[in-house]
């Protein structure tokens, strides 16, 4: 019996290619990556006077108010300045009713959470809001969209056809998009009143808190603009369980 002949290099290569392969690639050096990083930081620093206010303004709705049936205070995070602005609009005669959506009780969705209602009523009283109405709302995610649906149902039931949405400035663009997407098909006109707080579109980058707030609101705006609202237009967002970032 003849001995088995050894595999030639070519034969071995043909078998090996079924399991592993060899390739060549070019990789950048750490010096080049560092240079790119420095270049990006330098460009960002030199152009900060342009992109910082542009980013801040992109999150803020255009202020637009007019005589309305109701004023709506976005009360997701209790914020006194919203009540102060609502009181000013009320005194200016733009509306005689101020609605404040407040998280409903876990035990009874028709009743507002006692603690949160107390906080809202306290801020309204200090701001001298005259005609406050607490609207119990269920916080079902995506929260902003589903609260807008509940507000739509309330306004429709009350035969109200216009609303001024009072919202924190860097959240207001998203609020305007959501409420207009939900309320306009029901024939309800939406005005938007952004309320500035500690910082403005021009100086938000001066503090870490401002950077955190703008970053969070920018991400949420894109999430709603490109994911949640297209689902809503398709009729499936109200039932979708989407986690809000």
C-alpha atoms as a PDB file:
ATOM      1  CA  UNK A   1       0.000   0.000   0.000  1.00  0.00           C
ATOM      2  CA  UNK A   2       1.398   3.359  -0.949  1.00  0.00           C
ATOM      3  CA  UNK A   3       1.666   6.096   1.661  1.00  0.00           C
ATOM      4  CA  UNK A   4      -0.635   9.104   1.390  1.00  0.00           C
ATOM      5  CA  UNK A   5       1.090  11.972  -0.295  1.00  0.00           C
ATOM      6  CA  UNK A   6       1.235  15.225   1.708  1.00  0.00           C
ATOM      7  CA  UNK A   7      -0.977  18.140   0.662  1.00  0.00           C
ATOM      8  CA  UNK A   8       0.663  20.714  -1.488  1.00  0.00           C
ATOM      9  CA  UNK A   9       0.589  24.360  -0.281  1.00  0.00           C
ATOM     10  CA  UNK A  10      -1.998  25.138  -2.945  1.00  0.00           C
ATOM     11  CA  UNK A  11      -4.291  22.315  -1.802  1.00  0.00           C
ATOM     12  CA  UNK A  12      -3.921  23.344   1.831  1.00  0.00           C
ATOM     13  CA  UNK A  13      -4.831  26.920   0.881  1.00  0.00           C
ATOM     14  CA  UNK A  14      -7.992  25.754  -0.888  1.00  0.00           C
ATOM     15  CA  UNK A  15      -9.181  23.934   2.245  1.00  0.00           C
ATOM     16  CA  UNK A  16      -8.194  26.752   4.599  1.00  0.00           C
ATOM     17  CA  UNK A  17     -10.256  29.360   2.740  1.00  0.00           C
ATOM     18  CA  UNK A  18     -13.443  27.664   3.945  1.00  0.00           C
ATOM     19  CA  UNK A  19     -12.571  28.523   7.558  1.00  0.00           C
ATOM     20  CA  UNK A  20     -10.305  31.555   7.627  1.00  0.00           C
ATOM     21  CA  UNK A  21      -9.095  34.171   5.205  1.00  0.00           C
ATOM     22  CA  UNK A  22      -6.391  36.763   5.098  1.00  0.00           C
ATOM     23  CA  UNK A  23      -6.888  40.379   4.112  1.00  0.00           C
ATOM     24  CA  UNK A  24      -5.053  43.662   4.219  1.00  0.00           C
ATOM     25  CA  UNK A  25      -6.443  46.879   5.645  1.00  0.00           C
ATOM     26  CA  UNK A  26      -5.269  50.379   6.393  1.00  0.00           C
ATOM     27  CA  UNK A  27      -5.780  51.843   9.859  1.00  0.00           C
ATOM     28  CA  UNK A  28      -5.282  55.394  10.980  1.00  0.00           C
ATOM     29  CA  UNK A  29      -2.633  56.113  13.556  1.00  0.00           C
ATOM     30  CA  UNK A  30      -3.424  57.557  16.959  1.00  0.00           C
ATOM     31  CA  UNK A  31      -1.686  60.749  15.880  1.00  0.00           C
ATOM     32  CA  UNK A  32      -4.045  61.181  12.937  1.00  0.00           C
ATOM     33  CA  UNK A  33      -7.110  60.486  15.122  1.00  0.00           C
ATOM     34  CA  UNK A  34      -5.883  62.982  17.694  1.00  0.00           C
ATOM     35  CA  UNK A  35      -5.340  65.576  14.962  1.00  0.00           C
ATOM     36  CA  UNK A  36      -8.906  65.050  13.675  1.00  0.00           C
ATOM     37  CA  UNK A  37     -10.289  65.422  17.215  1.00  0.00           C
ATOM     38  CA  UNK A  38      -8.342  68.639  17.771  1.00  0.00           C
ATOM     39  CA  UNK A  39      -9.550  69.951  14.408  1.00  0.00           C
ATOM     40  CA  UNK A  40     -13.208  69.209  15.241  1.00  0.00           C
ATOM     41  CA  UNK A  41     -12.901  70.824  18.678  1.00  0.00           C
ATOM     42  CA  UNK A  42     -11.225  73.865  17.125  1.00  0.00           C
ATOM     43  CA  UNK A  43     -13.942  74.276  14.470  1.00  0.00           C
ATOM     44  CA  UNK A  44     -16.677  73.861  17.087  1.00  0.00           C
ATOM     45  CA  UNK A  45     -15.018  76.458  19.287  1.00  0.00           C
ATOM     46  CA  UNK A  46     -14.567  78.962  16.470  1.00  0.00           C
ATOM     47  CA  UNK A  47     -18.161  78.593  15.255  1.00  0.00           C
ATOM     48  CA  UNK A  48     -19.854  78.342  18.665  1.00  0.00           C
ATOM     49  CA  UNK A  49     -21.336  81.795  18.212  1.00  0.00           C
ATOM     50  CA  UNK A  50     -23.358  80.373  15.315  1.00  0.00           C
ATOM     51  CA  UNK A  51     -24.362  76.832  16.271  1.00  0.00           C
ATOM     52  CA  UNK A  52     -25.087  77.373  19.987  1.00  0.00           C
ATOM     53  CA  UNK A  53     -27.915  79.910  19.445  1.00  0.00           C
ATOM     54  CA  UNK A  54     -29.079  78.032  16.337  1.00  0.00           C
ATOM     55  CA  UNK A  55     -29.459  74.812  18.326  1.00  0.00           C
ATOM     56  CA  UNK A  56     -31.263  76.608  21.146  1.00  0.00           C
ATOM     57  CA  UNK A  57     -33.672  78.320  18.746  1.00  0.00           C
ATOM     58  CA  UNK A  58     -34.351  75.035  16.927  1.00  0.00           C
ATOM     59  CA  UNK A  59     -35.871  73.676  20.170  1.00  0.00           C
ATOM     60  CA  UNK A  60     -38.005  76.756  20.816  1.00  0.00           C
ATOM     61  CA  UNK A  61     -41.351  77.287  19.131  1.00  0.00           C
ATOM     62  CA  UNK A  62     -42.189  80.610  17.521  1.00  0.00           C
ATOM     63  CA  UNK A  63     -44.147  82.677  20.020  1.00  0.00           C
ATOM     64  CA  UNK A  64     -47.684  83.024  18.735  1.00  0.00           C
ATOM     65  CA  UNK A  65     -50.689  83.931  20.849  1.00  0.00           C
ATOM     66  CA  UNK A  66     -54.217  85.104  20.219  1.00  0.00           C
ATOM     67  CA  UNK A  67     -57.633  85.103  21.869  1.00  0.00           C
ATOM     68  CA  UNK A  68     -58.343  81.464  22.740  1.00  0.00           C
ATOM     69  CA  UNK A  69     -60.872  79.322  24.514  1.00  0.00           C
ATOM     70  CA  UNK A  70     -58.289  77.990  26.974  1.00  0.00           C
ATOM     71  CA  UNK A  71     -54.698  78.330  28.126  1.00  0.00           C
ATOM     72  CA  UNK A  72     -52.917  74.997  28.594  1.00  0.00           C
ATOM     73  CA  UNK A  73     -50.007  74.794  31.046  1.00  0.00           C
ATOM     74  CA  UNK A  74     -47.659  71.871  30.346  1.00  0.00           C
ATOM     75  CA  UNK A  75     -47.162  70.580  33.855  1.00  0.00           C
ATOM     76  CA  UNK A  76     -45.056  67.447  33.317  1.00  0.00           C
ATOM     77  CA  UNK A  77     -42.369  68.854  35.604  1.00  0.00           C
ATOM     78  CA  UNK A  78     -43.783  71.465  38.022  1.00  0.00           C
ATOM     79  CA  UNK A  79     -42.340  74.805  36.920  1.00  0.00           C
ATOM     80  CA  UNK A  80     -43.572  78.034  38.492  1.00  0.00           C
ATOM     81  CA  UNK A  81     -42.714  80.337  35.588  1.00  0.00           C
ATOM     82  CA  UNK A  82     -45.272  78.542  33.411  1.00  0.00           C
ATOM     83  CA  UNK A  83     -48.035  79.486  35.851  1.00  0.00           C
ATOM     84  CA  UNK A  84     -46.727  83.037  36.019  1.00  0.00           C
ATOM     85  CA  UNK A  85     -46.904  83.345  32.230  1.00  0.00           C
ATOM     86  CA  UNK A  86     -50.358  81.737  32.136  1.00  0.00           C
ATOM     87  CA  UNK A  87     -51.567  84.271  34.703  1.00  0.00           C
ATOM     88  CA  UNK A  88     -50.195  87.116  32.557  1.00  0.00           C
ATOM     89  CA  UNK A  89     -52.011  85.787  29.488  1.00  0.00           C
ATOM     90  CA  UNK A  90     -55.178  85.398  31.511  1.00  0.00           C
ATOM     91  CA  UNK A  91     -54.951  88.972  32.787  1.00  0.00           C
ATOM     92  CA  UNK A  92     -54.312  90.186  29.239  1.00  0.00           C
ATOM     93  CA  UNK A  93     -57.705  88.794  28.311  1.00  0.00           C
ATOM     94  CA  UNK A  94     -56.515  86.051  25.954  1.00  0.00           C
ATOM     95  CA  UNK A  95     -58.588  83.434  27.765  1.00  0.00           C
ATOM     96  CA  UNK A  96     -60.659  83.064  30.906  1.00  0.00           C
ATOM     97  CA  UNK A  97     -59.758  79.394  31.513  1.00  0.00           C
ATOM     98  CA  UNK A  98     -56.409  77.860  32.470  1.00  0.00           C
ATOM     99  CA  UNK A  99     -56.060  74.093  32.141  1.00  0.00           C
ATOM    100  CA  UNK A 100     -53.316  72.178  33.950  1.00  0.00           C
ATOM    101  CA  UNK A 101     -52.915  68.485  32.999  1.00  0.00           C
ATOM    102  CA  UNK A 102     -51.915  66.621  36.167  1.00  0.00           C
ATOM    103  CA  UNK A 103     -51.040  62.971  36.584  1.00  0.00           C
ATOM    104  CA  UNK A 104     -54.046  60.924  37.619  1.00  0.00           C
ATOM    105  CA  UNK A 105     -54.220  58.874  40.800  1.00  0.00           C
ATOM    106  CA  UNK A 106     -53.149  55.251  40.488  1.00  0.00           C
ATOM    107  CA  UNK A 107     -56.357  54.187  42.190  1.00  0.00           C
ATOM    108  CA  UNK A 108     -58.774  56.341  40.166  1.00  0.00           C
ATOM    109  CA  UNK A 109     -57.818  57.672  36.710  1.00  0.00           C
ATOM    110  CA  UNK A 110     -60.665  60.205  36.925  1.00  0.00           C
ATOM    111  CA  UNK A 111     -59.042  61.948  39.903  1.00  0.00           C
ATOM    112  CA  UNK A 112     -55.717  63.801  39.939  1.00  0.00           C
ATOM    113  CA  UNK A 113     -52.869  62.703  42.190  1.00  0.00           C
ATOM    114  CA  UNK A 114     -53.453  64.588  45.448  1.00  0.00           C
ATOM    115  CA  UNK A 115     -49.840  65.687  45.949  1.00  0.00           C
ATOM    116  CA  UNK A 116     -49.303  66.819  42.363  1.00  0.00           C
ATOM    117  CA  UNK A 117     -52.643  68.623  42.328  1.00  0.00           C
ATOM    118  CA  UNK A 118     -51.693  70.413  45.540  1.00  0.00           C
ATOM    119  CA  UNK A 119     -48.379  71.564  44.031  1.00  0.00           C
ATOM    120  CA  UNK A 120     -50.109  72.827  40.873  1.00  0.00           C
ATOM    121  CA  UNK A 121     -52.776  74.668  42.885  1.00  0.00           C
ATOM    122  CA  UNK A 122     -50.122  76.242  45.123  1.00  0.00           C
ATOM    123  CA  UNK A 123     -48.114  77.580  42.154  1.00  0.00           C
ATOM    124  CA  UNK A 124     -51.300  78.807  40.477  1.00  0.00           C
ATOM    125  CA  UNK A 125     -52.345  80.595  43.657  1.00  0.00           C
ATOM    126  CA  UNK A 126     -48.946  82.292  44.059  1.00  0.00           C
ATOM    127  CA  UNK A 127     -48.977  83.307  40.373  1.00  0.00           C
ATOM    128  CA  UNK A 128     -52.559  84.609  40.826  1.00  0.00           C
ATOM    129  CA  UNK A 129     -54.176  82.406  38.213  1.00  0.00           C
ATOM    130  CA  UNK A 130     -57.886  83.134  38.555  1.00  0.00           C
ATOM    131  CA  UNK A 131     -59.661  80.254  36.806  1.00  0.00           C
ATOM    132  CA  UNK A 132     -57.629  77.093  37.258  1.00  0.00           C
ATOM    133  CA  UNK A 133     -58.899  73.710  36.076  1.00  0.00           C
ATOM    134  CA  UNK A 134     -56.981  70.534  36.921  1.00  0.00           C
ATOM    135  CA  UNK A 135     -57.270  67.866  34.199  1.00  0.00           C
ATOM    136  CA  UNK A 136     -56.395  64.346  35.449  1.00  0.00           C
ATOM    137  CA  UNK A 137     -54.320  62.594  32.786  1.00  0.00           C
ATOM    138  CA  UNK A 138     -52.933  59.078  32.551  1.00  0.00           C
ATOM    139  CA  UNK A 139     -49.191  59.023  31.917  1.00  0.00           C
ATOM    140  CA  UNK A 140     -49.011  56.362  29.209  1.00  0.00           C
ATOM    141  CA  UNK A 141     -45.899  56.333  27.047  1.00  0.00           C
ATOM    142  CA  UNK A 142     -45.172  58.025  24.755  1.00  0.00           C
ATOM    143  CA  UNK A 143     -46.307  60.492  27.400  1.00  0.00           C
ATOM    144  CA  UNK A 144     -46.430  63.739  25.417  1.00  0.00           C
ATOM    145  CA  UNK A 145     -48.459  62.182  22.622  1.00  0.00           C
ATOM    146  CA  UNK A 146     -50.951  60.355  24.824  1.00  0.00           C
ATOM    147  CA  UNK A 147     -51.498  63.384  27.046  1.00  0.00           C
ATOM    148  CA  UNK A 148     -52.224  65.368  23.858  1.00  0.00           C
ATOM    149  CA  UNK A 149     -54.857  62.769  22.905  1.00  0.00           C
ATOM    150  CA  UNK A 150     -56.494  63.125  26.320  1.00  0.00           C
ATOM    151  CA  UNK A 151     -56.471  66.912  26.030  1.00  0.00           C
ATOM    152  CA  UNK A 152     -58.029  66.591  22.570  1.00  0.00           C
ATOM    153  CA  UNK A 153     -60.839  64.492  23.998  1.00  0.00           C
ATOM    154  CA  UNK A 154     -61.455  67.047  26.749  1.00  0.00           C
ATOM    155  CA  UNK A 155     -61.455  70.033  24.374  1.00  0.00           C
ATOM    156  CA  UNK A 156     -63.740  68.244  21.935  1.00  0.00           C
ATOM    157  CA  UNK A 157     -66.161  67.317  24.701  1.00  0.00           C
ATOM    158  CA  UNK A 158     -66.212  70.936  25.911  1.00  0.00           C
ATOM    159  CA  UNK A 159     -66.604  72.240  22.326  1.00  0.00           C
ATOM    160  CA  UNK A 160     -63.424  74.306  22.578  1.00  0.00           C
ATOM    161  CA  UNK A 161     -61.727  75.326  19.344  1.00  0.00           C
ATOM    162  CA  UNK A 162     -58.503  77.131  20.287  1.00  0.00           C
ATOM    163  CA  UNK A 163     -55.743  76.750  22.864  1.00  0.00           C
ATOM    164  CA  UNK A 164     -52.535  78.509  23.892  1.00  0.00           C
ATOM    165  CA  UNK A 165     -49.917  75.946  24.934  1.00  0.00           C
ATOM    166  CA  UNK A 166     -47.564  77.370  27.578  1.00  0.00           C
ATOM    167  CA  UNK A 167     -44.404  75.246  27.714  1.00  0.00           C
ATOM    168  CA  UNK A 168     -40.746  75.460  28.809  1.00  0.00           C
ATOM    169  CA  UNK A 169     -38.778  77.075  25.983  1.00  0.00           C
ATOM    170  CA  UNK A 170     -36.508  74.166  25.057  1.00  0.00           C
ATOM    171  CA  UNK A 171     -39.414  71.742  25.165  1.00  0.00           C
ATOM    172  CA  UNK A 172     -41.835  74.017  23.319  1.00  0.00           C
ATOM    173  CA  UNK A 173     -40.943  73.017  19.740  1.00  0.00           C
ATOM    174  CA  UNK A 174     -41.774  69.401  20.519  1.00  0.00           C
ATOM    175  CA  UNK A 175     -44.947  70.409  22.347  1.00  0.00           C
ATOM    176  CA  UNK A 176     -46.036  72.540  19.398  1.00  0.00           C
ATOM    177  CA  UNK A 177     -45.440  69.696  16.926  1.00  0.00           C
ATOM    178  CA  UNK A 178     -47.308  67.164  19.059  1.00  0.00           C
ATOM    179  CA  UNK A 179     -50.340  69.312  19.873  1.00  0.00           C
ATOM    180  CA  UNK A 180     -50.720  70.545  16.313  1.00  0.00           C
ATOM    181  CA  UNK A 181     -50.469  67.010  14.956  1.00  0.00           C
ATOM    182  CA  UNK A 182     -53.181  65.837  17.378  1.00  0.00           C
ATOM    183  CA  UNK A 183     -55.490  68.866  17.668  1.00  0.00           C
ATOM    184  CA  UNK A 184     -55.575  70.310  14.168  1.00  0.00           C
ATOM    185  CA  UNK A 185     -57.389  67.297  12.641  1.00  0.00           C
ATOM    186  CA  UNK A 186     -60.075  67.898  15.316  1.00  0.00           C
ATOM    187  CA  UNK A 187     -60.462  71.502  14.164  1.00  0.00           C
ATOM    188  CA  UNK A 188     -58.672  73.010  17.184  1.00  0.00           C
ATOM    189  CA  UNK A 189     -56.275  75.899  16.573  1.00  0.00           C
ATOM    190  CA  UNK A 190     -53.009  75.770  18.536  1.00  0.00           C
ATOM    191  CA  UNK A 191     -50.936  78.751  19.671  1.00  0.00           C
ATOM    192  CA  UNK A 192     -47.533  78.339  21.344  1.00  0.00           C
ATOM    193  CA  UNK A 193     -45.985  80.367  24.165  1.00  0.00           C
ATOM    194  CA  UNK A 194     -42.384  79.378  25.062  1.00  0.00           C
ATOM    195  CA  UNK A 195     -41.234  80.306  28.553  1.00  0.00           C
ATOM    196  CA  UNK A 196     -37.531  80.943  29.128  1.00  0.00           C
ATOM    197  CA  UNK A 197     -35.998  80.058  32.463  1.00  0.00           C
ATOM    198  CA  UNK A 198     -32.462  80.333  33.766  1.00  0.00           C
ATOM    199  CA  UNK A 199     -30.889  80.405  30.314  1.00  0.00           C
ATOM    200  CA  UNK A 200     -31.708  81.440  26.776  1.00  0.00           C
ATOM    201  CA  UNK A 201     -30.936  80.006  23.314  1.00  0.00           C
ATOM    202  CA  UNK A 202     -27.799  82.151  23.343  1.00  0.00           C
ATOM    203  CA  UNK A 203     -26.282  81.137  26.702  1.00  0.00           C
ATOM    204  CA  UNK A 204     -27.489  77.588  27.509  1.00  0.00           C
ATOM    205  CA  UNK A 205     -23.972  76.185  27.063  1.00  0.00           C
ATOM    206  CA  UNK A 206     -22.652  78.243  30.000  1.00  0.00           C
ATOM    207  CA  UNK A 207     -23.742  75.608  32.559  1.00  0.00           C
ATOM    208  CA  UNK A 208     -23.723  71.825  32.674  1.00  0.00           C
ATOM    209  CA  UNK A 209     -27.413  71.854  33.545  1.00  0.00           C
ATOM    210  CA  UNK A 210     -28.138  73.871  30.414  1.00  0.00           C
ATOM    211  CA  UNK A 211     -26.099  71.493  28.269  1.00  0.00           C
ATOM    212  CA  UNK A 212     -27.907  68.498  29.784  1.00  0.00           C
ATOM    213  CA  UNK A 213     -31.332  70.059  29.218  1.00  0.00           C
ATOM    214  CA  UNK A 214     -30.686  71.065  25.605  1.00  0.00           C
ATOM    215  CA  UNK A 215     -29.139  67.686  24.764  1.00  0.00           C
ATOM    216  CA  UNK A 216     -32.092  65.816  26.261  1.00  0.00           C
ATOM    217  CA  UNK A 217     -34.674  67.985  24.510  1.00  0.00           C
ATOM    218  CA  UNK A 218     -32.859  67.758  21.168  1.00  0.00           C
ATOM    219  CA  UNK A 219     -32.866  63.943  21.321  1.00  0.00           C
ATOM    220  CA  UNK A 220     -36.538  63.845  22.321  1.00  0.00           C
ATOM    221  CA  UNK A 221     -37.486  66.282  19.563  1.00  0.00           C
ATOM    222  CA  UNK A 222     -35.900  64.067  16.913  1.00  0.00           C
ATOM    223  CA  UNK A 223     -37.481  60.963  18.482  1.00  0.00           C
ATOM    224  CA  UNK A 224     -40.950  62.494  18.233  1.00  0.00           C
ATOM    225  CA  UNK A 225     -40.383  64.125  14.866  1.00  0.00           C
ATOM    226  CA  UNK A 226     -39.048  61.071  13.045  1.00  0.00           C
ATOM    227  CA  UNK A 227     -40.581  58.153  14.966  1.00  0.00           C
ATOM    228  CA  UNK A 228     -43.552  58.911  17.206  1.00  0.00           C
ATOM    229  CA  UNK A 229     -45.432  61.410  15.029  1.00  0.00           C
ATOM    230  CA  UNK A 230     -45.100  59.373  11.817  1.00  0.00           C
ATOM    231  CA  UNK A 231     -46.639  56.465  13.763  1.00  0.00           C
ATOM    232  CA  UNK A 232     -49.405  58.773  14.952  1.00  0.00           C
ATOM    233  CA  UNK A 233     -50.169  59.824  11.394  1.00  0.00           C
ATOM    234  CA  UNK A 234     -50.365  56.149  10.524  1.00  0.00           C
ATOM    235  CA  UNK A 235     -52.940  55.658  13.250  1.00  0.00           C
ATOM    236  CA  UNK A 236     -50.937  53.224  15.386  1.00  0.00           C
ATOM    237  CA  UNK A 237     -49.062  55.450  17.819  1.00  0.00           C
ATOM    238  CA  UNK A 238     -51.874  55.733  20.303  1.00  0.00           C
ATOM    239  CA  UNK A 239     -51.694  52.017  20.961  1.00  0.00           C
ATOM    240  CA  UNK A 240     -47.929  51.598  20.645  1.00  0.00           C
ATOM    241  CA  UNK A 241     -45.949  51.136  23.848  1.00  0.00           C
ATOM    242  CA  UNK A 242     -42.969  53.249  22.953  1.00  0.00           C
ATOM    243  CA  UNK A 243     -40.429  54.115  25.601  1.00  0.00           C
ATOM    244  CA  UNK A 244     -39.717  57.841  25.692  1.00  0.00           C
ATOM    245  CA  UNK A 245     -35.995  58.584  26.171  1.00  0.00           C
END
